[in-house]
N, C-alpha and C. Protein backbone atom coordinates (compact mmCIF):
# COMPACT_ATOMS: atom_id res chain seq x y z
N MET A 1 -16.44 -15.86 -27.36
CA MET A 1 -17.01 -14.47 -27.38
C MET A 1 -16.61 -13.82 -26.28
N ASN A 2 -16.28 -14.12 -25.14
CA ASN A 2 -15.74 -13.56 -23.94
C ASN A 2 -14.51 -12.91 -24.18
N LEU A 3 -13.48 -13.61 -24.93
CA LEU A 3 -12.20 -13.22 -25.17
C LEU A 3 -12.30 -11.87 -26.25
N ILE A 4 -13.27 -11.96 -27.20
CA ILE A 4 -13.38 -10.77 -28.12
C ILE A 4 -13.82 -9.52 -27.34
N VAL A 5 -14.82 -9.59 -26.38
CA VAL A 5 -15.00 -8.51 -25.70
C VAL A 5 -13.90 -8.16 -24.85
N TRP A 6 -13.29 -8.83 -24.48
CA TRP A 6 -12.11 -8.64 -23.31
C TRP A 6 -11.25 -7.82 -24.20
N LEU A 7 -10.78 -8.34 -25.35
CA LEU A 7 -9.68 -7.62 -26.26
C LEU A 7 -10.40 -6.23 -26.57
N ILE A 8 -11.47 -6.11 -26.84
CA ILE A 8 -12.16 -4.97 -27.29
C ILE A 8 -12.02 -3.76 -26.28
N VAL A 9 -12.59 -4.44 -25.01
CA VAL A 9 -12.52 -3.38 -23.68
C VAL A 9 -11.28 -3.00 -23.29
N GLY A 10 -10.33 -3.94 -23.54
CA GLY A 10 -9.07 -3.57 -23.07
C GLY A 10 -8.49 -2.74 -23.90
N GLY A 11 -8.76 -2.82 -25.34
CA GLY A 11 -8.11 -1.98 -26.19
C GLY A 11 -8.85 -0.48 -26.08
N ILE A 12 -9.73 -0.32 -25.58
CA ILE A 12 -10.66 1.02 -25.38
C ILE A 12 -10.02 1.85 -24.01
N ILE A 13 -9.92 0.70 -23.13
CA ILE A 13 -9.47 1.24 -21.82
C ILE A 13 -7.98 1.58 -21.67
N GLY A 14 -7.11 1.07 -22.38
CA GLY A 14 -5.72 1.33 -22.83
C GLY A 14 -5.49 2.64 -23.34
N TRP A 15 -6.51 2.74 -24.55
CA TRP A 15 -6.28 4.24 -25.42
C TRP A 15 -6.85 5.23 -24.35
N VAL A 16 -7.93 5.21 -23.63
CA VAL A 16 -8.40 6.15 -22.72
C VAL A 16 -7.15 6.62 -21.61
N ALA A 17 -6.45 5.25 -21.26
CA ALA A 17 -5.46 5.69 -20.32
C ALA A 17 -4.22 6.29 -20.86
N SER A 18 -4.17 5.91 -22.05
CA SER A 18 -2.83 6.61 -22.86
C SER A 18 -3.24 7.85 -23.15
N MET A 19 -4.53 8.35 -23.29
CA MET A 19 -4.81 9.68 -23.38
C MET A 19 -4.57 10.49 -22.29
N ILE A 20 -5.07 9.83 -21.17
CA ILE A 20 -4.88 10.68 -19.87
C ILE A 20 -3.38 10.80 -19.73
N MET A 21 -2.47 10.00 -19.74
CA MET A 21 -1.14 9.95 -19.30
C MET A 21 -0.43 10.47 -20.26
N ARG A 22 -1.11 10.91 -21.47
CA ARG A 22 -0.50 11.66 -22.77
C ARG A 22 0.82 10.79 -23.39
N THR A 23 0.36 9.47 -23.43
CA THR A 23 1.33 8.68 -24.15
C THR A 23 0.85 8.01 -25.49
N ASP A 24 -0.24 8.78 -25.92
CA ASP A 24 -1.14 8.13 -26.99
C ASP A 24 -0.18 7.97 -28.29
N GLY A 25 0.59 9.01 -28.66
CA GLY A 25 1.26 9.23 -29.78
C GLY A 25 2.31 8.12 -29.89
N GLN A 26 2.77 7.66 -28.78
CA GLN A 26 3.95 6.61 -28.59
C GLN A 26 3.51 5.30 -28.82
N GLN A 27 1.96 4.98 -28.61
CA GLN A 27 1.55 3.68 -28.54
C GLN A 27 0.80 3.31 -29.79
N GLY A 28 0.61 2.08 -30.23
CA GLY A 28 -0.11 1.79 -31.19
C GLY A 28 -1.60 1.02 -30.79
N MET A 29 -2.46 0.39 -31.62
CA MET A 29 -3.28 -0.45 -31.03
C MET A 29 -3.09 -1.53 -30.39
N PHE A 30 -2.05 -2.35 -30.80
CA PHE A 30 -1.65 -3.47 -29.97
C PHE A 30 -1.10 -3.33 -28.33
N LEU A 31 -0.42 -2.02 -28.38
CA LEU A 31 0.16 -1.86 -27.03
C LEU A 31 -1.00 -1.21 -26.07
N ASN A 32 -2.14 -0.50 -26.82
CA ASN A 32 -3.12 -0.05 -26.06
C ASN A 32 -4.05 -1.26 -25.57
N VAL A 33 -4.09 -2.47 -26.26
CA VAL A 33 -4.75 -3.35 -25.76
C VAL A 33 -3.92 -4.30 -24.61
N VAL A 34 -2.67 -4.27 -24.81
CA VAL A 34 -1.94 -4.97 -23.62
C VAL A 34 -1.90 -4.08 -22.28
N VAL A 35 -1.92 -2.82 -22.58
CA VAL A 35 -2.01 -2.08 -21.41
C VAL A 35 -3.17 -1.76 -20.67
N GLY A 36 -4.34 -2.19 -21.44
CA GLY A 36 -5.69 -2.29 -21.00
C GLY A 36 -5.66 -3.65 -20.27
N ILE A 37 -5.40 -4.56 -20.87
CA ILE A 37 -5.78 -5.84 -20.25
C ILE A 37 -4.85 -6.07 -18.97
N VAL A 38 -3.49 -5.72 -19.03
CA VAL A 38 -2.61 -5.76 -17.76
C VAL A 38 -3.09 -4.89 -16.60
N GLY A 39 -3.28 -3.59 -17.18
CA GLY A 39 -4.19 -2.39 -16.26
C GLY A 39 -5.24 -3.07 -15.63
N ALA A 40 -6.21 -3.77 -16.22
CA ALA A 40 -7.27 -4.13 -15.86
C ALA A 40 -7.08 -5.47 -14.72
N ALA A 41 -5.98 -6.28 -15.03
CA ALA A 41 -5.56 -7.17 -14.05
C ALA A 41 -4.99 -6.70 -12.91
N LEU A 42 -4.22 -5.60 -12.93
CA LEU A 42 -3.54 -4.89 -11.84
C LEU A 42 -4.52 -4.08 -10.97
N GLY A 43 -5.51 -3.49 -11.74
CA GLY A 43 -6.56 -2.80 -10.97
C GLY A 43 -7.46 -4.00 -10.27
N GLY A 44 -7.65 -5.18 -10.77
CA GLY A 44 -8.59 -6.04 -10.24
C GLY A 44 -7.76 -6.70 -8.98
N TRP A 45 -6.44 -6.75 -8.90
CA TRP A 45 -5.87 -7.26 -7.94
C TRP A 45 -5.45 -6.31 -6.74
N LEU A 46 -5.20 -5.00 -7.10
CA LEU A 46 -4.96 -4.15 -6.17
C LEU A 46 -6.14 -3.08 -5.56
N ILE A 47 -6.86 -2.52 -6.66
CA ILE A 47 -7.86 -1.60 -6.25
C ILE A 47 -9.37 -2.30 -6.00
N SER A 48 -9.68 -3.42 -6.43
CA SER A 48 -11.14 -3.89 -6.37
C SER A 48 -11.21 -4.17 -4.80
N PRO A 49 -10.22 -4.81 -4.26
CA PRO A 49 -10.40 -5.18 -2.84
C PRO A 49 -10.43 -3.87 -2.02
N LEU A 50 -9.95 -2.92 -2.51
CA LEU A 50 -9.90 -1.58 -1.37
C LEU A 50 -10.98 -0.72 -1.58
N LEU A 51 -11.66 -0.96 -2.81
CA LEU A 51 -13.11 -0.14 -3.06
C LEU A 51 -14.13 -1.24 -3.00
N GLY A 52 -14.05 -2.34 -3.15
CA GLY A 52 -15.16 -3.37 -2.91
C GLY A 52 -15.99 -3.36 -4.15
N LEU A 53 -15.15 -2.92 -5.35
CA LEU A 53 -15.90 -2.87 -6.52
C LEU A 53 -15.39 -4.13 -7.27
N PRO A 54 -16.20 -4.78 -8.13
CA PRO A 54 -15.75 -5.92 -9.02
C PRO A 54 -14.73 -5.72 -10.01
N SER A 55 -14.19 -6.56 -10.73
CA SER A 55 -13.20 -6.39 -11.66
C SER A 55 -13.72 -7.25 -13.00
N ILE A 56 -13.03 -6.36 -14.17
CA ILE A 56 -13.70 -6.86 -15.41
C ILE A 56 -13.18 -8.57 -15.58
N ASN A 57 -12.23 -8.79 -14.99
CA ASN A 57 -11.45 -10.13 -14.93
C ASN A 57 -12.34 -11.20 -14.15
N ASP A 58 -13.18 -10.70 -13.28
CA ASP A 58 -14.10 -11.48 -12.78
C ASP A 58 -15.41 -11.68 -13.21
N GLY A 59 -15.40 -11.34 -14.64
CA GLY A 59 -17.00 -11.46 -15.51
C GLY A 59 -17.70 -10.17 -15.19
N ALA A 60 -17.66 -9.52 -14.20
CA ALA A 60 -18.35 -8.26 -14.07
C ALA A 60 -18.34 -7.20 -15.10
N PHE A 61 -19.20 -6.76 -15.88
CA PHE A 61 -19.04 -5.51 -16.71
C PHE A 61 -19.98 -4.39 -16.34
N SER A 62 -19.43 -3.52 -15.40
CA SER A 62 -20.10 -2.33 -15.00
C SER A 62 -19.30 -1.13 -15.08
N ILE A 63 -20.12 -0.16 -14.75
CA ILE A 63 -19.25 0.94 -14.58
C ILE A 63 -18.09 0.99 -13.46
N GLY A 64 -18.54 0.58 -12.18
CA GLY A 64 -17.26 0.39 -11.35
C GLY A 64 -16.11 -0.73 -11.88
N ALA A 65 -16.56 -1.54 -12.59
CA ALA A 65 -15.61 -2.56 -13.10
C ALA A 65 -14.63 -1.64 -14.08
N LEU A 66 -15.29 -1.08 -14.91
CA LEU A 66 -14.44 -0.45 -15.91
C LEU A 66 -13.26 0.86 -15.39
N LEU A 67 -14.24 1.25 -14.40
CA LEU A 67 -13.46 2.42 -13.51
C LEU A 67 -12.25 1.67 -13.00
N VAL A 68 -12.40 0.67 -12.40
CA VAL A 68 -11.08 -0.13 -11.76
C VAL A 68 -10.33 -0.21 -12.68
N SER A 69 -10.45 -0.88 -14.08
CA SER A 69 -9.63 -1.10 -14.93
C SER A 69 -8.84 0.15 -15.45
N LEU A 70 -9.63 1.06 -15.59
CA LEU A 70 -8.93 2.51 -16.11
C LEU A 70 -7.97 2.85 -15.32
N ILE A 71 -8.27 2.55 -13.75
CA ILE A 71 -7.38 3.32 -12.97
C ILE A 71 -5.97 2.56 -12.83
N GLY A 72 -6.23 1.00 -12.96
CA GLY A 72 -5.07 0.22 -13.00
C GLY A 72 -4.23 0.58 -14.24
N ALA A 73 -4.80 0.77 -15.49
CA ALA A 73 -4.27 0.74 -16.52
C ALA A 73 -3.17 2.33 -16.53
N VAL A 74 -3.86 3.43 -15.81
CA VAL A 74 -3.11 4.78 -15.70
C VAL A 74 -2.03 4.56 -14.75
N ILE A 75 -2.17 3.71 -13.67
CA ILE A 75 -1.23 3.27 -12.64
C ILE A 75 0.04 2.51 -13.34
N LEU A 76 -0.31 1.54 -14.20
CA LEU A 76 0.55 1.03 -14.92
C LEU A 76 1.36 1.69 -16.18
N LEU A 77 0.45 2.75 -16.62
CA LEU A 77 1.36 3.63 -17.62
C LEU A 77 2.25 4.70 -16.91
N ALA A 78 1.97 5.07 -15.40
CA ALA A 78 2.64 5.90 -14.50
C ALA A 78 3.81 5.04 -14.24
N ILE A 79 3.78 3.86 -13.94
CA ILE A 79 5.00 3.18 -13.61
C ILE A 79 6.01 2.94 -14.73
N VAL A 80 5.33 2.70 -15.86
CA VAL A 80 6.32 2.50 -17.21
C VAL A 80 6.96 3.90 -17.30
N ASN A 81 6.07 4.89 -17.35
CA ASN A 81 6.79 6.38 -17.46
C ASN A 81 7.92 6.71 -16.43
N LEU A 82 7.68 6.17 -15.44
CA LEU A 82 8.67 6.38 -14.30
C LEU A 82 10.06 5.83 -14.55
N PHE A 83 9.98 4.58 -14.98
CA PHE A 83 11.25 3.97 -15.60
C PHE A 83 11.80 4.23 -16.89
N ARG A 84 10.95 4.80 -17.67
CA ARG A 84 11.46 5.27 -18.87
C ARG A 84 11.86 6.49 -18.98
N ARG A 85 11.37 7.64 -18.38
CA ARG A 85 11.62 9.02 -18.39
C ARG A 85 12.11 9.47 -17.03
N GLY A 86 11.91 8.77 -16.11
CA GLY A 86 12.12 9.21 -14.70
C GLY A 86 11.20 10.11 -13.78
N SER A 87 9.94 10.31 -14.87
CA SER A 87 8.77 10.97 -13.96
C SER A 87 7.69 10.14 -14.45
N ALA A 88 6.65 10.44 -13.66
CA ALA A 88 5.30 9.65 -13.86
C ALA A 88 4.56 10.28 -15.00
N ARG A 89 4.69 11.57 -15.39
CA ARG A 89 4.22 12.17 -16.32
C ARG A 89 4.95 12.22 -17.61
């Protein structure tokens, strides 16, 4: 059951991050899930210790954990855009 919730939340976070970074038209549902999950991992490893907030990967499901995951997904998309286009946006 935890895997299903992780996939759904990852897809939503990836979709919102792609809308923020204006890459929604280039990505499909599968890529949104991947961006959400990898972004949540990135946010959990880098941003959670700095802000003192839990990560979704730790099993914590809160607004702070969702925000950390969203920030991680946006950072991931910015890095991908930087290599793909030469600019973060």
